[in-house]
C-alpha cells in the first residue's frame, strides 16, 4: 500500500509540474528523485506512465523548445547547449537542430536583430571596430555562429 501511495503522490506532482510547460524526461526525473525525494522505482514507473500517455515526449519537447528560442532571437549554438542541459539525447538534439536551422535563415535573423538593435541610432551610428566588436559579442552570446555574424555585420548598411 505504501508503494501505491507514493505512486499516486508522484503522479499528481508530475501532472502539476507538467501544467506549467512541457518538460523533458530528464527534467521530470530530476524533479521526482532529486527535488521531491521519490525512489528510482517510483520515478521510473511514473515517468513510463506519462510517456505512454504522451504527456512526456522528448522529441516534441525539443521541437517546441527550439521554436520558442528561435522566436526569442537565439542561435543554434545556444539552443543546442540549452537542450543538452535539459538532458536530451545528443542524437535527438542534432536531428532537431538540423531540421530547424539553416545558414540562410540564420543570416536573415541576425540581420534583423542588428537592424532592431540599431534602428534608433542610425543617424549617429558609425561603422567602426568598437561597434563591430560590440554587435559581434552580443550575437555570439545569443548563440549565433561566428562566420554568420561576420558576414551579417560586414553586409550591414548603416545608411538606411
N, C-alpha and C. Protein backbone atom coordinates (compact mmCIF):
# COMPACT_ATOMS: atom_id res chain seq x y z
N UNK A 1 0.83 -1.21 0.00
CA UNK A 1 0.00 0.00 0.00
C UNK A 1 0.86 1.27 0.00
N UNK A 2 1.98 1.22 0.67
CA UNK A 2 2.88 2.38 0.73
C UNK A 2 3.39 2.76 -0.66
N UNK A 3 3.70 1.75 -1.47
CA UNK A 3 4.16 1.97 -2.84
C UNK A 3 3.07 2.65 -3.67
N UNK A 4 1.84 2.21 -3.49
CA UNK A 4 0.71 2.81 -4.22
C UNK A 4 0.52 4.27 -3.85
N UNK A 5 0.66 4.59 -2.59
CA UNK A 5 0.54 5.99 -2.14
C UNK A 5 1.63 6.85 -2.76
N UNK A 6 2.85 6.32 -2.77
CA UNK A 6 3.97 7.06 -3.36
C UNK A 6 3.74 7.28 -4.86
N UNK A 7 3.25 6.24 -5.54
CA UNK A 7 2.96 6.38 -6.98
C UNK A 7 1.89 7.43 -7.23
N UNK A 8 0.84 7.40 -6.43
CA UNK A 8 -0.25 8.36 -6.59
C UNK A 8 0.24 9.79 -6.35
N UNK A 9 1.01 9.96 -5.28
CA UNK A 9 1.54 11.28 -4.95
C UNK A 9 2.48 11.78 -6.06
N UNK A 10 3.35 10.89 -6.55
CA UNK A 10 4.30 11.26 -7.61
C UNK A 10 3.55 11.62 -8.89
N UNK A 11 2.52 10.83 -9.23
CA UNK A 11 1.71 11.13 -10.43
C UNK A 11 1.13 12.53 -10.34
N UNK A 12 0.52 12.84 -9.22
CA UNK A 12 -0.09 14.16 -9.05
C UNK A 12 0.93 15.28 -9.15
N UNK A 13 2.10 15.06 -8.55
CA UNK A 13 3.15 16.08 -8.60
C UNK A 13 3.64 16.29 -10.03
N UNK A 14 3.81 15.20 -10.76
CA UNK A 14 4.29 15.31 -12.14
C UNK A 14 3.25 16.01 -13.02
N UNK A 15 2.00 15.65 -12.84
CA UNK A 15 0.95 16.29 -13.64
C UNK A 15 0.93 17.80 -13.36
N UNK A 16 1.07 18.19 -12.13
CA UNK A 16 1.12 19.61 -11.78
C UNK A 16 2.38 20.26 -12.39
N UNK A 17 3.50 19.55 -12.31
CA UNK A 17 4.77 20.03 -12.85
C UNK A 17 4.67 20.25 -14.37
N UNK A 18 3.92 19.39 -15.04
CA UNK A 18 3.79 19.48 -16.50
C UNK A 18 2.77 20.52 -16.95
N UNK A 19 1.98 21.05 -16.03
CA UNK A 19 0.99 22.06 -16.43
C UNK A 19 1.63 23.40 -16.75
N UNK A 20 2.79 23.67 -16.18
CA UNK A 20 3.44 24.97 -16.40
C UNK A 20 4.04 25.06 -17.80
N UNK A 21 4.70 23.98 -18.23
CA UNK A 21 5.27 23.91 -19.58
C UNK A 21 5.68 22.47 -19.85
N UNK A 22 5.96 22.16 -21.10
CA UNK A 22 6.43 20.82 -21.45
C UNK A 22 7.79 20.59 -20.80
N UNK A 23 8.07 19.37 -20.45
CA UNK A 23 9.34 19.03 -19.79
C UNK A 23 9.97 17.84 -20.50
N UNK A 24 11.28 17.76 -20.40
CA UNK A 24 11.97 16.58 -20.91
C UNK A 24 11.88 15.48 -19.88
N UNK A 25 12.12 14.29 -20.34
CA UNK A 25 12.11 13.12 -19.45
C UNK A 25 13.10 13.31 -18.30
N UNK A 26 14.27 13.84 -18.63
CA UNK A 26 15.31 14.06 -17.63
C UNK A 26 14.91 15.11 -16.60
N UNK A 27 14.22 16.16 -17.04
CA UNK A 27 13.75 17.18 -16.10
C UNK A 27 12.76 16.58 -15.10
N UNK A 28 11.88 15.71 -15.58
CA UNK A 28 10.90 15.08 -14.70
C UNK A 28 11.62 14.12 -13.74
N UNK A 29 12.61 13.41 -14.24
CA UNK A 29 13.40 12.51 -13.39
C UNK A 29 14.06 13.30 -12.26
N UNK A 30 14.72 14.40 -12.61
CA UNK A 30 15.36 15.24 -11.59
C UNK A 30 14.35 15.78 -10.59
N UNK A 31 13.22 16.19 -11.09
CA UNK A 31 12.16 16.73 -10.23
C UNK A 31 11.73 15.68 -9.21
N UNK A 32 11.45 14.47 -9.67
CA UNK A 32 10.96 13.44 -8.77
C UNK A 32 12.03 12.93 -7.81
N UNK A 33 13.21 12.62 -8.34
CA UNK A 33 14.23 11.98 -7.49
C UNK A 33 15.02 12.97 -6.64
N UNK A 34 15.49 14.03 -7.25
CA UNK A 34 16.35 14.96 -6.51
C UNK A 34 15.57 15.98 -5.68
N UNK A 35 14.55 16.57 -6.30
CA UNK A 35 13.83 17.64 -5.60
C UNK A 35 12.76 17.12 -4.66
N UNK A 36 12.08 16.04 -5.06
CA UNK A 36 10.96 15.55 -4.25
C UNK A 36 11.30 14.29 -3.46
N UNK A 37 12.43 13.65 -3.75
CA UNK A 37 12.90 12.54 -2.94
C UNK A 37 12.23 11.20 -3.17
N UNK A 38 11.59 11.00 -4.31
CA UNK A 38 10.99 9.71 -4.59
C UNK A 38 12.08 8.70 -4.97
N UNK A 39 11.78 7.43 -4.76
CA UNK A 39 12.74 6.39 -5.11
C UNK A 39 12.84 6.26 -6.62
N UNK A 40 13.90 5.60 -7.07
CA UNK A 40 14.08 5.41 -8.51
C UNK A 40 12.96 4.57 -9.10
N UNK A 41 12.52 3.56 -8.36
CA UNK A 41 11.44 2.69 -8.86
C UNK A 41 10.15 3.48 -9.09
N UNK A 42 9.79 4.30 -8.11
CA UNK A 42 8.58 5.10 -8.23
C UNK A 42 8.73 6.09 -9.39
N UNK A 43 9.87 6.73 -9.47
CA UNK A 43 10.12 7.71 -10.53
C UNK A 43 10.04 7.07 -11.91
N UNK A 44 10.69 5.92 -12.07
CA UNK A 44 10.65 5.22 -13.36
C UNK A 44 9.23 4.84 -13.74
N UNK A 45 8.48 4.32 -12.77
CA UNK A 45 7.11 3.89 -13.06
C UNK A 45 6.24 5.06 -13.50
N UNK A 46 6.33 6.16 -12.78
CA UNK A 46 5.50 7.33 -13.11
C UNK A 46 5.93 7.93 -14.45
N UNK A 47 7.21 8.04 -14.68
CA UNK A 47 7.70 8.59 -15.95
C UNK A 47 7.26 7.71 -17.11
N UNK A 48 7.37 6.40 -16.96
CA UNK A 48 6.92 5.50 -18.04
C UNK A 48 5.42 5.65 -18.30
N UNK A 49 4.64 5.82 -17.25
CA UNK A 49 3.20 6.06 -17.44
C UNK A 49 2.97 7.34 -18.24
N UNK A 50 3.67 8.40 -17.84
CA UNK A 50 3.49 9.70 -18.50
C UNK A 50 3.95 9.65 -19.96
N UNK A 51 5.00 8.89 -20.24
CA UNK A 51 5.46 8.72 -21.62
C UNK A 51 4.39 7.96 -22.42
N UNK A 52 3.84 6.90 -21.82
CA UNK A 52 2.81 6.12 -22.51
C UNK A 52 1.56 6.94 -22.79
N UNK A 53 1.21 7.84 -21.89
CA UNK A 53 0.05 8.71 -22.10
C UNK A 53 0.36 9.85 -23.07
N UNK A 54 1.64 10.06 -23.36
CA UNK A 54 2.04 11.13 -24.27
C UNK A 54 2.26 12.46 -23.57
N UNK A 55 2.27 12.46 -22.25
CA UNK A 55 2.49 13.70 -21.50
C UNK A 55 3.96 14.11 -21.50
N UNK A 56 4.84 13.13 -21.63
CA UNK A 56 6.27 13.41 -21.73
C UNK A 56 6.74 12.85 -23.07
N UNK A 57 7.27 13.74 -23.92
CA UNK A 57 7.75 13.34 -25.24
C UNK A 57 8.95 14.22 -25.57
N UNK A 58 10.14 13.64 -25.45
CA UNK A 58 11.37 14.41 -25.63
C UNK A 58 11.47 15.04 -27.01
N UNK A 59 11.01 14.35 -28.03
CA UNK A 59 11.12 14.90 -29.39
C UNK A 59 10.24 16.13 -29.57
N UNK A 60 8.99 16.04 -29.16
CA UNK A 60 8.11 17.20 -29.31
C UNK A 60 8.57 18.33 -28.37
N UNK A 61 9.08 17.97 -27.20
CA UNK A 61 9.63 18.98 -26.30
C UNK A 61 10.77 19.73 -26.98
N UNK A 62 11.68 18.98 -27.61
CA UNK A 62 12.83 19.60 -28.27
C UNK A 62 12.38 20.52 -29.40
N UNK A 63 11.41 20.09 -30.18
CA UNK A 63 10.92 20.93 -31.29
C UNK A 63 10.27 22.22 -30.77
N UNK A 64 9.45 22.10 -29.74
CA UNK A 64 8.82 23.28 -29.16
C UNK A 64 9.86 24.22 -28.56
N UNK A 65 10.85 23.65 -27.90
CA UNK A 65 11.89 24.45 -27.27
C UNK A 65 12.68 25.22 -28.33
N UNK A 66 13.07 24.53 -29.40
CA UNK A 66 13.82 25.18 -30.47
C UNK A 66 13.00 26.31 -31.09
N UNK A 67 11.75 26.03 -31.37
CA UNK A 67 10.88 27.04 -31.97
C UNK A 67 10.75 28.27 -31.06
N UNK A 68 10.54 28.03 -29.80
CA UNK A 68 10.40 29.12 -28.83
C UNK A 68 11.67 29.96 -28.73
N UNK A 69 12.81 29.31 -28.65
CA UNK A 69 14.07 30.02 -28.51
C UNK A 69 14.44 30.78 -29.80
N UNK A 70 14.12 30.19 -30.95
CA UNK A 70 14.38 30.89 -32.21
C UNK A 70 13.57 32.17 -32.27
N UNK A 71 12.30 32.09 -31.86
CA UNK A 71 11.44 33.27 -31.90
C UNK A 71 11.95 34.36 -30.96
N UNK A 72 12.65 33.98 -29.91
CA UNK A 72 13.18 34.95 -28.96
C UNK A 72 14.56 35.46 -29.37
N UNK A 73 15.05 35.04 -30.54
CA UNK A 73 16.29 35.60 -31.09
C UNK A 73 17.55 34.89 -30.67
N UNK A 74 17.48 33.61 -30.42
CA UNK A 74 18.68 32.86 -30.05
C UNK A 74 19.14 32.00 -31.21
N UNK A 75 20.45 31.74 -31.24
CA UNK A 75 21.06 30.99 -32.32
C UNK A 75 21.25 29.53 -31.99
N UNK A 76 21.72 28.82 -32.99
CA UNK A 76 21.85 27.37 -32.93
C UNK A 76 22.78 26.91 -31.81
N UNK A 77 23.87 27.62 -31.58
CA UNK A 77 24.85 27.17 -30.58
C UNK A 77 24.26 27.23 -29.17
N UNK A 78 23.59 28.31 -28.87
CA UNK A 78 23.00 28.45 -27.54
C UNK A 78 21.85 27.46 -27.34
N UNK A 79 21.04 27.28 -28.36
CA UNK A 79 19.91 26.37 -28.25
C UNK A 79 20.41 24.93 -28.08
N UNK A 80 21.43 24.56 -28.83
CA UNK A 80 22.00 23.21 -28.69
C UNK A 80 22.50 23.01 -27.27
N UNK A 81 23.19 23.98 -26.74
CA UNK A 81 23.70 23.90 -25.37
C UNK A 81 22.56 23.77 -24.36
N UNK A 82 21.54 24.59 -24.50
CA UNK A 82 20.41 24.54 -23.57
C UNK A 82 19.68 23.21 -23.63
N UNK A 83 19.54 22.64 -24.83
CA UNK A 83 18.90 21.33 -24.95
C UNK A 83 19.72 20.25 -24.25
N UNK A 84 21.03 20.37 -24.35
CA UNK A 84 21.87 19.38 -23.67
C UNK A 84 21.73 19.52 -22.15
N UNK A 85 21.54 20.74 -21.66
CA UNK A 85 21.31 20.94 -20.23
C UNK A 85 19.99 20.32 -19.77
N UNK A 86 19.05 20.20 -20.69
CA UNK A 86 17.75 19.59 -20.37
C UNK A 86 17.85 18.06 -20.33
N UNK A 87 19.01 17.52 -20.66
CA UNK A 87 19.23 16.08 -20.57
C UNK A 87 18.75 15.28 -21.77
N UNK A 88 18.60 15.93 -22.90
CA UNK A 88 18.15 15.23 -24.09
C UNK A 88 19.31 14.47 -24.74
N UNK A 89 18.96 13.41 -25.43
CA UNK A 89 19.93 12.60 -26.15
C UNK A 89 20.59 13.44 -27.25
N UNK A 90 21.90 13.31 -27.39
CA UNK A 90 22.63 14.14 -28.35
C UNK A 90 22.19 13.87 -29.79
N UNK A 91 21.82 12.63 -30.11
CA UNK A 91 21.35 12.33 -31.48
C UNK A 91 20.02 13.04 -31.75
N UNK A 92 19.15 13.06 -30.75
CA UNK A 92 17.88 13.76 -30.90
C UNK A 92 18.12 15.26 -31.07
N UNK A 93 19.01 15.80 -30.26
CA UNK A 93 19.33 17.24 -30.36
C UNK A 93 19.81 17.56 -31.76
N UNK A 94 20.76 16.78 -32.27
CA UNK A 94 21.32 17.07 -33.59
C UNK A 94 20.27 16.94 -34.68
N UNK A 95 19.40 15.96 -34.57
CA UNK A 95 18.36 15.78 -35.59
C UNK A 95 17.40 16.98 -35.60
N UNK A 96 16.96 17.40 -34.43
CA UNK A 96 16.03 18.53 -34.34
C UNK A 96 16.70 19.82 -34.80
N UNK A 97 17.95 20.02 -34.40
CA UNK A 97 18.70 21.21 -34.81
C UNK A 97 18.85 21.23 -36.33
N UNK A 98 19.21 20.09 -36.90
CA UNK A 98 19.41 20.00 -38.35
C UNK A 98 18.13 20.32 -39.11
N UNK A 99 17.00 19.86 -38.57
CA UNK A 99 15.71 20.12 -39.22
C UNK A 99 15.25 21.57 -39.05
N UNK A 100 15.69 22.21 -37.99
CA UNK A 100 15.16 23.52 -37.63
C UNK A 100 15.99 24.71 -38.09
N UNK A 101 17.25 24.48 -38.42
CA UNK A 101 18.14 25.59 -38.75
C UNK A 101 18.76 25.41 -40.12
N UNK A 102 18.94 26.54 -40.79
CA UNK A 102 19.78 26.55 -41.99
C UNK A 102 20.49 27.91 -42.01
N UNK A 103 21.69 27.94 -42.57
CA UNK A 103 22.50 29.17 -42.52
C UNK A 103 21.84 30.40 -43.12
N UNK A 104 21.07 30.21 -44.21
CA UNK A 104 20.44 31.37 -44.85
C UNK A 104 19.42 32.03 -43.92
N UNK A 105 18.60 31.21 -43.28
CA UNK A 105 17.62 31.76 -42.34
C UNK A 105 18.30 32.41 -41.14
N UNK A 106 19.36 31.79 -40.66
CA UNK A 106 20.09 32.37 -39.53
C UNK A 106 20.68 33.72 -39.89
N UNK A 107 21.21 33.83 -41.09
CA UNK A 107 21.79 35.09 -41.54
C UNK A 107 20.72 36.18 -41.59
N UNK A 108 19.55 35.84 -42.08
CA UNK A 108 18.44 36.80 -42.12
C UNK A 108 18.05 37.21 -40.70
N UNK A 109 17.96 36.25 -39.79
CA UNK A 109 17.60 36.56 -38.40
C UNK A 109 18.65 37.45 -37.74
N UNK A 110 19.92 37.19 -38.02
CA UNK A 110 21.00 38.01 -37.45
C UNK A 110 20.86 39.44 -37.96
N UNK A 111 20.61 39.61 -39.25
CA UNK A 111 20.46 40.95 -39.83
C UNK A 111 19.26 41.67 -39.22
N UNK A 112 18.17 40.93 -38.99
CA UNK A 112 17.01 41.55 -38.35
C UNK A 112 17.33 42.00 -36.92
N UNK A 113 18.07 41.20 -36.21
CA UNK A 113 18.46 41.57 -34.84
C UNK A 113 19.35 42.80 -34.85
N UNK A 114 20.30 42.86 -35.77
CA UNK A 114 21.17 44.03 -35.88
C UNK A 114 20.34 45.27 -36.21
N UNK A 115 19.42 45.13 -37.16
CA UNK A 115 18.54 46.24 -37.51
C UNK A 115 17.76 46.74 -36.30
N UNK A 116 17.18 45.81 -35.59
CA UNK A 116 16.37 46.18 -34.43
C UNK A 116 17.21 46.87 -33.36
N UNK A 117 18.42 46.37 -33.15
CA UNK A 117 19.30 46.97 -32.13
C UNK A 117 19.79 48.36 -32.52
N UNK A 118 19.89 48.62 -33.81
CA UNK A 118 20.48 49.88 -34.27
C UNK A 118 19.48 50.80 -34.95
N UNK A 119 18.20 50.46 -34.90
CA UNK A 119 17.17 51.22 -35.60
C UNK A 119 17.15 52.70 -35.21
N UNK A 120 17.19 53.01 -33.95
CA UNK A 120 17.09 54.40 -33.50
C UNK A 120 18.42 55.13 -33.49
N UNK A 121 19.49 54.44 -33.80
CA UNK A 121 20.82 55.06 -33.72
C UNK A 121 21.44 55.31 -35.08
N UNK A 122 20.69 55.09 -36.15
CA UNK A 122 21.28 55.14 -37.49
C UNK A 122 21.98 56.46 -37.81
N UNK A 123 21.41 57.57 -37.41
CA UNK A 123 21.99 58.86 -37.79
C UNK A 123 23.32 59.12 -37.10
N UNK A 124 23.52 58.55 -35.93
CA UNK A 124 24.78 58.78 -35.22
C UNK A 124 25.66 57.54 -35.15
N UNK A 125 25.27 56.51 -35.91
CA UNK A 125 25.98 55.24 -35.88
C UNK A 125 27.17 55.30 -36.83
N UNK A 126 28.30 54.90 -36.33
CA UNK A 126 29.49 54.83 -37.16
C UNK A 126 29.94 53.39 -37.25
N UNK A 127 30.33 53.03 -38.44
CA UNK A 127 30.86 51.68 -38.63
C UNK A 127 32.32 51.72 -38.23
N UNK A 128 32.59 51.25 -37.06
CA UNK A 128 33.97 51.19 -36.61
C UNK A 128 34.21 49.88 -35.87
N UNK A 129 35.43 49.69 -35.46
CA UNK A 129 35.81 48.43 -34.81
C UNK A 129 35.06 48.22 -33.49
N UNK A 130 34.85 49.29 -32.76
CA UNK A 130 34.15 49.20 -31.48
C UNK A 130 32.70 48.72 -31.68
N UNK A 131 32.02 49.33 -32.66
CA UNK A 131 30.65 48.93 -32.98
C UNK A 131 30.62 47.47 -33.41
N UNK A 132 31.54 47.10 -34.30
CA UNK A 132 31.60 45.74 -34.82
C UNK A 132 31.79 44.74 -33.67
N UNK A 133 32.72 45.00 -32.78
CA UNK A 133 33.00 44.10 -31.66
C UNK A 133 31.82 44.01 -30.70
N UNK A 134 31.18 45.13 -30.47
CA UNK A 134 30.02 45.16 -29.56
C UNK A 134 28.88 44.30 -30.11
N UNK A 135 28.57 44.50 -31.38
CA UNK A 135 27.50 43.73 -32.01
C UNK A 135 27.87 42.25 -32.11
N UNK A 136 29.11 41.98 -32.47
CA UNK A 136 29.57 40.59 -32.59
C UNK A 136 29.49 39.88 -31.24
N UNK A 137 29.88 40.56 -30.18
CA UNK A 137 29.82 39.97 -28.84
C UNK A 137 28.39 39.66 -28.44
N UNK A 138 27.49 40.60 -28.72
CA UNK A 138 26.08 40.38 -28.40
C UNK A 138 25.54 39.16 -29.14
N UNK A 139 25.81 39.09 -30.43
CA UNK A 139 25.30 37.98 -31.24
C UNK A 139 25.94 36.65 -30.84
N UNK A 140 27.18 36.70 -30.47
CA UNK A 140 27.88 35.48 -30.00
C UNK A 140 27.23 34.97 -28.72
N UNK A 141 26.89 35.87 -27.80
CA UNK A 141 26.22 35.47 -26.55
C UNK A 141 24.84 34.90 -26.85
N UNK A 142 24.23 35.34 -27.94
CA UNK A 142 22.93 34.82 -28.34
C UNK A 142 23.03 33.44 -28.97
N UNK A 143 24.26 33.01 -29.28
CA UNK A 143 24.46 31.66 -29.79
C UNK A 143 24.54 31.52 -31.29
N UNK A 144 24.83 32.61 -31.97
CA UNK A 144 24.96 32.53 -33.42
C UNK A 144 26.40 32.17 -33.79
N UNK A 145 26.55 31.60 -34.97
CA UNK A 145 27.86 31.15 -35.43
C UNK A 145 28.72 32.33 -35.86
N UNK A 146 30.01 32.24 -35.55
CA UNK A 146 30.95 33.33 -35.85
C UNK A 146 30.94 33.72 -37.33
N UNK A 147 30.96 32.74 -38.20
CA UNK A 147 31.05 33.04 -39.63
C UNK A 147 29.82 33.84 -40.11
N UNK A 148 28.65 33.48 -39.60
CA UNK A 148 27.43 34.21 -39.99
C UNK A 148 27.40 35.61 -39.38
N UNK A 149 27.90 35.74 -38.18
CA UNK A 149 27.96 37.05 -37.52
C UNK A 149 28.83 38.00 -38.34
N UNK A 150 30.00 37.53 -38.76
CA UNK A 150 30.92 38.37 -39.52
C UNK A 150 30.29 38.78 -40.85
N UNK A 151 29.67 37.85 -41.54
CA UNK A 151 29.02 38.17 -42.82
C UNK A 151 27.94 39.22 -42.62
N UNK A 152 27.08 39.01 -41.63
CA UNK A 152 25.96 39.95 -41.40
C UNK A 152 26.47 41.34 -41.04
N UNK A 153 27.47 41.41 -40.20
CA UNK A 153 28.00 42.72 -39.79
C UNK A 153 28.71 43.43 -40.93
N UNK A 154 29.41 42.71 -41.76
CA UNK A 154 30.09 43.33 -42.89
C UNK A 154 29.10 43.81 -43.95
N UNK A 155 27.97 43.10 -44.07
CA UNK A 155 26.97 43.49 -45.07
C UNK A 155 25.98 44.53 -44.54
N UNK A 156 26.05 44.86 -43.27
CA UNK A 156 25.09 45.78 -42.67
C UNK A 156 25.25 47.16 -43.29
N UNK A 157 24.13 47.72 -43.74
CA UNK A 157 24.12 49.04 -44.36
C UNK A 157 23.73 50.07 -43.30
N UNK A 158 24.63 50.93 -42.96
CA UNK A 158 24.41 51.94 -41.91
C UNK A 158 23.60 53.14 -42.38
N UNK A 159 23.41 53.26 -43.68
CA UNK A 159 22.79 54.47 -44.19
C UNK A 159 21.27 54.41 -44.29
N UNK A 160 20.69 53.22 -44.19
CA UNK A 160 19.24 53.09 -44.37
C UNK A 160 18.46 53.83 -43.32
